[in-house]
Amino acid sequence: MFRKNRLFVFLIVALMLIMSACSNSTGGGNESSGEKENNSGGEKAAENSGKLVIYTARDQTIVDQVVGMFNEKYPDIQVDVLTMGAQQVLERIRGEKSNPQADFWWGGTQSAFMTGAAEDLLEPFKPSFDASILPEHKDKDGRWYGEMLLPEVIMINSDMLSKEEAPQDWDDLLDPKWKDQIIIRGVLASGTMRTIYSAMIHEQGADNPEAGYEWLSKLDANTKEYAQDPTNLYLKLARQEGSISLWNLQDILLQKNEHNQPFDFVYPESGAPILVDAVGLVKGAKNLENAKVFYEFLFDPETRATLAEDLYQIPTRTDIDKDQMPDWFKDIELKSLDLDWGVMAEKEAEWMQHWDENIKGKN
């Protein structure tokens, strides 16, 4: 009897062990596999979902198209965009340094980005397209990359002036016959205008800015008004309150061809400041991985070709097939002024403060 009981107990224990082993190899294994799948899915979701905060100086038309394209590819990433002047972006990121609110800085002059890098506002990053960007169009430590090139040119109302009648070079703008015909976008808040004015000072001699200040004083004498923002500038030129301005080629073509504005441009004979319009990751960004996703998306060859066709952007990537570029680009010769961008970045704040305090509206 005792043997039978012992055998019975042995069989029960053996059966329990077998059931436990089966449970570990099936249910337990599935749970482990499920954890791996969940973790993997979670990592993937983290890359393609969540939030992204962008500070940008881009025109709203560009913002709407690019963010729309991005959301088509990454629908689970919520993109919040705050639009302001290029200089204001720098100042805001600087003011938020101890508690960054933005993840991605989209658009600004290389001077602004050089300043941002020097002040430790930007996160180093080596993207997949690094080798396709020329050294002069990126930061050597990967803190910013030029997204596109922006020639700064002479803008005209084509209902008031033909290209032949318009000023053909920078010094022509100082001719008294253009008095009260020039409307300028407010300089201090505009990366474009700060670049143009700094370039004019540099052209007269960067070692001693007095000649450059005199040049800007003569331009101020011919300037009718300083417009509050780009929208205000376009409105005043379209209303024929003035016939001439200084602006970037991309936005002129965009307003002319997409918004039917009576605008055209003259590419200055001596050359143009060709601004490297850059992007970068904000140091301490709360959504850094999503910012990197947007970074890569912006520079994707397909994105660049679309933006060249639709928004008149000149990409910095050197590996894009020339046949992909639109006809408007093939007709433009990009002649650049010989500028030391490092000097301009170093001196810009000083030069612009002097202009604001001693030249603006005083001639």
Foldseek 3Di string as FASTA:
>chain_A
DVVVVVVVVVVVVVVVVVVVVVCCVPVVVVVVVVVVVVVVVVVVCLLQAEEAEEEEQDDPVVVVVLVVVVCVVRVRYHYHYDHFAQLVVLVVLVVCVVPGPHWKYFWFFVLSQVVCVVVVFFDADDDPLNVQFDPVQADPRRRKGFFFKWFKFKKFQCVVDPLVRDDQADLSLLPLVLAQQEEEAAQPRHRFNLLQLLVQQVVLPLVDSPSSLVSVLSNLRRYNYHADHPVRVLVCRQVSSHTIYIGTPLVQCCCCPVVVGSMDTHQHPQATAITRIMMGTTPPDPSNSNNSVSVCVSNPLVNVLVCCVNRVTGGSGNPRDPVSHDPVVVVDDHGHDDDDSVSCSVCSVVVVVCCVVPRNPPD
